[in-house]
Protein backbone atom coordinates (compact mmCIF):
# COMPACT_ATOMS: atom_id res chain seq x y z
CA MET A 1 91.79 74.88 24.38
CA THR A 2 93.00 71.63 23.31
CA THR A 3 91.25 68.04 24.34
CA GLN A 4 93.10 65.55 25.03
CA THR A 5 91.77 61.99 23.93
CA PRO A 6 91.88 59.22 26.64
CA SER A 7 94.01 56.73 23.92
CA SER A 8 96.93 59.84 23.17
CA PHE A 9 96.70 60.35 27.74
CA ASP A 10 100.58 60.03 29.33
CA PRO A 11 100.06 59.28 32.40
CA GLY A 12 103.18 60.89 33.18
CA VAL A 13 101.23 64.31 32.75
CA THR A 14 102.13 67.50 35.38
CA GLU A 15 99.36 68.68 37.86
CA GLU A 16 99.95 72.21 35.29
CA GLU A 17 98.93 70.21 32.08
CA MET A 18 95.82 67.75 33.63
CA HIS A 19 94.30 71.27 34.47
CA THR A 20 94.26 71.88 30.85
CA LEU A 21 92.34 69.25 29.83
CA ASP A 22 88.83 70.70 28.95
CA VAL A 23 87.21 68.08 30.97
CA ASN A 24 85.26 69.48 34.84
CA LEU A 25 84.73 66.48 36.62
CA ASP A 26 83.13 68.39 39.28
CA ARG A 27 79.80 69.09 36.56
CA VAL A 28 80.36 65.91 35.56
CA TRP A 29 79.56 64.62 39.35
CA LEU A 30 76.91 66.90 39.90
CA GLY A 31 74.89 65.74 37.35
CA VAL A 32 75.40 62.10 38.01
CA THR A 33 73.81 63.20 42.32
CA GLY A 34 71.70 65.21 40.43
CA THR A 35 70.26 62.62 38.58
CA LEU A 36 70.03 60.21 41.26
CA TRP A 37 68.38 62.71 43.74
CA SER A 38 66.07 63.99 41.81
CA ILE A 39 64.24 60.57 41.81
CA SER A 40 60.78 61.08 43.21
CA THR A 41 60.20 59.28 46.97
CA SER A 42 58.22 56.57 47.77
CA ARG A 43 55.68 56.08 50.63
CA ILE A 44 58.36 53.72 52.11
CA GLU A 45 61.26 55.50 51.52
CA ARG A 46 59.60 58.68 53.33
CA VAL A 47 58.87 56.27 56.22
CA ALA A 48 62.35 55.36 56.46
CA GLY A 49 63.55 58.42 56.52
CA SER A 50 61.02 59.84 59.36
CA LEU A 51 62.31 56.54 61.26
CA LEU A 52 66.18 57.03 60.32
CA ARG A 53 66.78 61.49 60.89
CA SER A 54 68.47 61.16 57.60
CA PRO A 55 66.84 61.22 54.14
CA ALA A 56 70.68 60.17 52.79
CA LEU A 57 70.95 56.88 54.32
CA ALA A 58 66.69 55.86 53.76
CA ARG A 59 68.11 56.18 49.84
CA ALA A 60 70.90 54.10 50.53
CA LEU A 61 68.27 52.38 52.48
CA VAL A 62 65.79 51.33 49.64
CA THR A 63 68.18 50.58 46.81
CA THR A 64 69.77 48.43 48.46
CA PRO A 65 70.24 45.24 45.84
CA SER A 66 68.83 42.78 47.74
CA LEU A 67 65.89 44.53 48.96
CA ILE A 68 64.38 44.71 45.50
CA PHE A 69 60.77 43.49 45.30
CA SER A 70 62.04 40.20 42.96
CA TRP A 71 64.73 39.37 44.91
CA ILE A 72 62.44 39.12 48.25
CA LEU A 73 60.09 37.23 45.68
CA ALA A 74 62.73 34.91 45.00
CA SER A 75 63.61 34.48 48.20
CA ALA A 76 60.48 34.35 50.13
CA ALA A 77 59.73 31.45 46.83
CA VAL A 78 62.61 29.52 47.82
CA PHE A 79 61.65 29.70 51.74
CA ILE A 80 57.77 28.49 50.77
CA LEU A 81 59.22 25.45 48.15
CA GLY A 82 61.26 24.24 51.01
CA ALA A 83 58.54 24.57 53.73
CA VAL A 84 57.25 22.58 51.19
CA VAL A 85 60.19 19.85 50.52
CA ALA A 86 60.22 19.70 54.42
CA ASN A 87 56.40 18.22 54.64
CA PHE A 88 56.94 15.73 52.73
CA THR A 89 60.23 14.33 53.65
CA ALA A 90 60.28 15.11 57.31
CA THR A 91 63.24 17.64 56.90
CA PRO A 92 64.53 20.40 58.01
CA VAL A 93 65.08 21.94 54.97
CA VAL A 94 64.27 25.89 56.10
CA PRO A 95 67.18 25.61 59.03
CA LEU A 96 69.29 24.12 56.03
CA LEU A 97 68.79 26.95 53.41
CA ALA A 98 68.16 29.84 55.46
CA PRO A 99 71.96 30.45 56.56
CA ALA A 100 72.58 29.75 52.55
CA LEU A 101 70.14 32.27 51.58
CA ALA A 102 70.61 35.18 54.14
CA GLY A 103 74.59 34.70 53.19
CA VAL A 104 74.15 35.32 49.59
CA ALA A 105 71.34 38.09 50.56
CA VAL A 106 74.35 40.24 52.93
CA ALA A 107 76.72 39.74 50.86
CA PHE A 108 75.41 41.35 47.69
CA ALA A 109 73.51 44.78 49.56
CA TYR A 110 76.74 46.62 49.24
CA GLY A 111 79.80 47.11 47.85
CA ALA A 112 81.67 47.67 44.15
CA GLY A 113 79.80 45.55 41.41
CA ALA A 114 76.84 45.47 43.60
CA ASP A 115 75.12 48.23 44.23
CA PRO A 116 74.11 50.56 41.44
CA THR A 117 74.77 53.78 43.95
CA TYR A 118 77.69 52.49 45.43
CA GLU A 119 80.37 55.13 43.51
CA ILE A 120 77.51 57.86 45.15
CA SER A 121 76.99 56.81 48.33
CA ARG A 122 81.51 56.78 48.65
CA THR A 123 81.45 60.29 48.20
CA MET A 124 78.63 60.62 50.59
CA PRO A 125 79.66 62.66 53.16
CA THR A 126 77.09 59.53 55.50
CA SER A 127 79.33 57.13 57.07
CA ALA A 128 80.25 53.59 54.11
CA ARG A 129 80.05 51.86 57.05
CA MET A 130 77.05 53.36 58.38
CA ILE A 131 74.92 52.51 55.51
CA LEU A 132 76.75 49.17 55.02
CA LEU A 133 74.94 47.81 58.51
CA LEU A 134 71.72 49.61 58.14
CA ARG A 135 71.29 47.93 54.77
CA VAL A 136 72.86 44.14 56.35
CA SER A 137 70.88 44.46 59.63
CA VAL A 138 67.72 44.87 57.13
CA VAL A 139 68.70 42.36 54.76
CA PHE A 140 69.44 40.09 57.22
CA VAL A 141 66.28 41.06 59.44
CA THR A 142 64.10 40.03 56.41
CA ASN A 143 65.48 36.85 55.82
CA ALA A 144 64.60 36.18 58.54
CA ILE A 145 61.46 36.74 58.87
CA LEU A 146 60.99 34.73 55.73
CA GLY A 147 62.48 31.96 57.13
CA ALA A 148 60.30 32.30 60.23
CA LEU A 149 57.11 32.31 57.67
CA ALA A 150 58.49 29.14 56.20
CA THR A 151 58.56 26.97 59.41
CA VAL A 152 54.77 27.67 60.22
CA ILE A 153 54.38 25.81 57.16
CA VAL A 154 56.29 23.29 58.83
CA PRO A 155 54.44 21.29 61.62
CA GLY A 156 56.59 20.34 64.24
CA ALA A 157 59.22 22.66 63.49
CA SER A 158 58.88 25.22 66.29
CA GLU A 159 61.61 23.25 67.87
CA VAL A 160 64.52 23.58 65.25
CA THR A 161 63.92 27.11 64.66
CA VAL A 162 66.24 29.13 66.99
CA LEU A 163 68.64 26.71 65.81
CA TRP A 164 69.38 28.08 62.54
CA LEU A 165 69.84 31.84 63.72
CA LEU A 166 73.10 31.25 65.34
CA PRO A 167 74.85 29.65 61.62
CA MET A 168 72.59 31.98 59.91
CA VAL A 169 74.25 34.89 62.17
CA ALA A 170 77.95 33.22 60.99
CA ILE A 171 77.51 32.68 57.67
CA SER A 172 76.16 35.74 56.44
CA LEU A 173 78.42 37.85 58.37
CA LEU A 174 81.36 35.89 56.96
CA GLY A 175 80.10 36.18 52.97
CA LEU A 176 79.97 40.45 54.21
CA ALA A 177 83.43 39.83 55.26
CA VAL A 178 84.58 38.14 52.22
CA ALA A 179 82.40 40.37 50.16
CA VAL A 180 84.29 43.78 51.70
CA VAL A 181 87.34 42.56 51.79
CA SER A 182 87.58 41.02 47.56
CA ARG A 183 85.34 43.37 46.65
CA SER A 184 83.14 41.53 45.09
CA ALA A 185 79.52 40.32 45.86
CA THR A 186 79.47 37.10 44.05
CA ILE A 187 82.99 35.82 45.58
CA GLY A 188 81.22 36.86 48.91
CA GLY A 189 77.72 34.36 48.10
CA GLY A 190 80.73 31.82 46.53
CA ALA A 191 82.68 31.57 50.07
CA ALA A 192 79.15 32.01 52.53
CA LEU A 193 77.54 28.73 50.38
CA ALA A 194 80.84 27.04 50.21
CA VAL A 195 81.16 27.17 54.05
CA TRP A 196 77.98 26.29 54.53
CA GLY A 197 77.98 23.25 52.38
CA ALA A 198 80.62 21.88 54.46
CA ILE A 199 79.19 22.36 57.65
CA VAL A 200 75.84 20.75 55.56
CA LEU A 201 78.18 17.65 54.47
CA ALA A 202 80.45 17.08 57.24
CA ALA A 203 77.30 16.96 59.57
CA GLN A 204 75.61 14.19 57.02
CA TYR A 205 79.01 12.11 56.61
CA ARG A 206 79.26 11.87 61.17
CA ASP A 207 75.73 11.70 61.84
CA ASP A 208 74.36 9.95 58.21
CA ARG A 209 71.46 12.46 58.29
CA LEU A 210 71.68 15.50 55.95
CA ALA A 211 69.96 17.76 58.43
CA ALA A 212 72.14 16.42 61.36
CA ALA A 213 73.65 20.32 60.49
CA VAL A 214 70.64 22.08 62.23
CA SER A 215 70.51 19.74 65.00
CA GLU A 216 70.70 20.67 68.53
CA SER A 217 74.16 18.71 69.38
CA THR A 218 75.88 19.74 66.28
CA LEU A 219 74.61 23.47 66.68
CA GLU A 220 76.72 23.06 70.51
CA THR A 221 79.78 21.43 69.22
CA LEU A 222 79.70 24.15 66.23
CA ALA A 223 78.88 27.19 68.81
CA PRO A 224 82.65 28.46 69.30
CA VAL A 225 83.33 28.20 65.57
CA TYR A 226 80.40 29.93 64.97
CA LEU A 227 81.02 32.73 67.43
CA SER A 228 84.56 32.99 66.48
CA ILE A 229 83.29 33.26 62.84
CA ILE A 230 81.14 36.64 63.99
CA ALA A 231 84.11 37.76 65.90
CA VAL A 232 86.27 37.84 63.20
CA SER A 233 84.29 39.01 60.35
CA LEU A 234 83.13 41.54 62.34
CA GLY A 235 86.52 42.75 63.51
CA VAL A 236 87.54 42.11 59.26
CA THR A 237 84.75 44.30 58.35
CA MET A 238 84.29 46.81 61.06
CA TRP A 239 88.26 47.48 59.60
CA VAL A 240 87.57 47.57 55.78
CA SER A 241 84.79 49.71 55.30
CA GLY A 242 85.95 52.29 58.21
CA ASP A 243 86.94 55.63 57.86
CA GLY A 244 90.53 54.55 56.54
CA ALA A 245 87.75 52.63 53.85
CA LYS A 246 88.34 55.24 51.17
CA ARG A 247 91.51 56.44 51.73
CA ARG A 248 92.63 53.00 51.52
CA GLU A 249 90.87 52.63 47.89
CA LEU A 250 92.84 55.93 46.77
CA ALA A 251 95.82 54.44 47.96
CA GLY A 252 95.34 50.86 45.69
CA TRP A 253 94.89 53.06 42.60
CA LEU A 254 98.61 54.85 42.94
């Protein structure tokens, strides 16, 4: 039986000719899947599996790119640095950093180019939407906890702690929606940084204060905008990652 090389592959071959190729794709995918699932489960994964009642979701959770130790450590270091700077400048740096960091982390939680298990997860019976929601929820909560802990270091910062939660949700979901639509975590994270940067600079221009973006007055003014961003971003993300997502991906290759 003759095996055709990729260089000699004719895109106009018939289905019968395709079956003559000496390539067992099922065997290849079984090998890749077997390699993935042969990795020994950690204690965290076993606990997650017990809580989620799903080994597949547990494996998807522990392989979240923005939940690996180095990423969490880097985020914690940025928050701590922001808290130290805030102590010397009396500027609420942590509330200003939180939406940006969360936006980037959420954008890199799931998707082609960011997730090393993305292709495998697309073949699993587990819904891509479920994996996405699980990962995003855990990443968001992790960053919220890191931000809240950082504000504890700053004296008198408790009154502004809750003021960055709504912007954080809005910017995170915006970055996620852009990442899912563009299929690029980098573009999603960049969009989150760009939008939040524009909001901070615009607020500073109006009030001549860097912290104006997380002030109570600005939050009240921009609350409808944030809520609109949340609603639209959620709708776009759910539609793109829904049941028809795989069919749309396949259609894009035809």
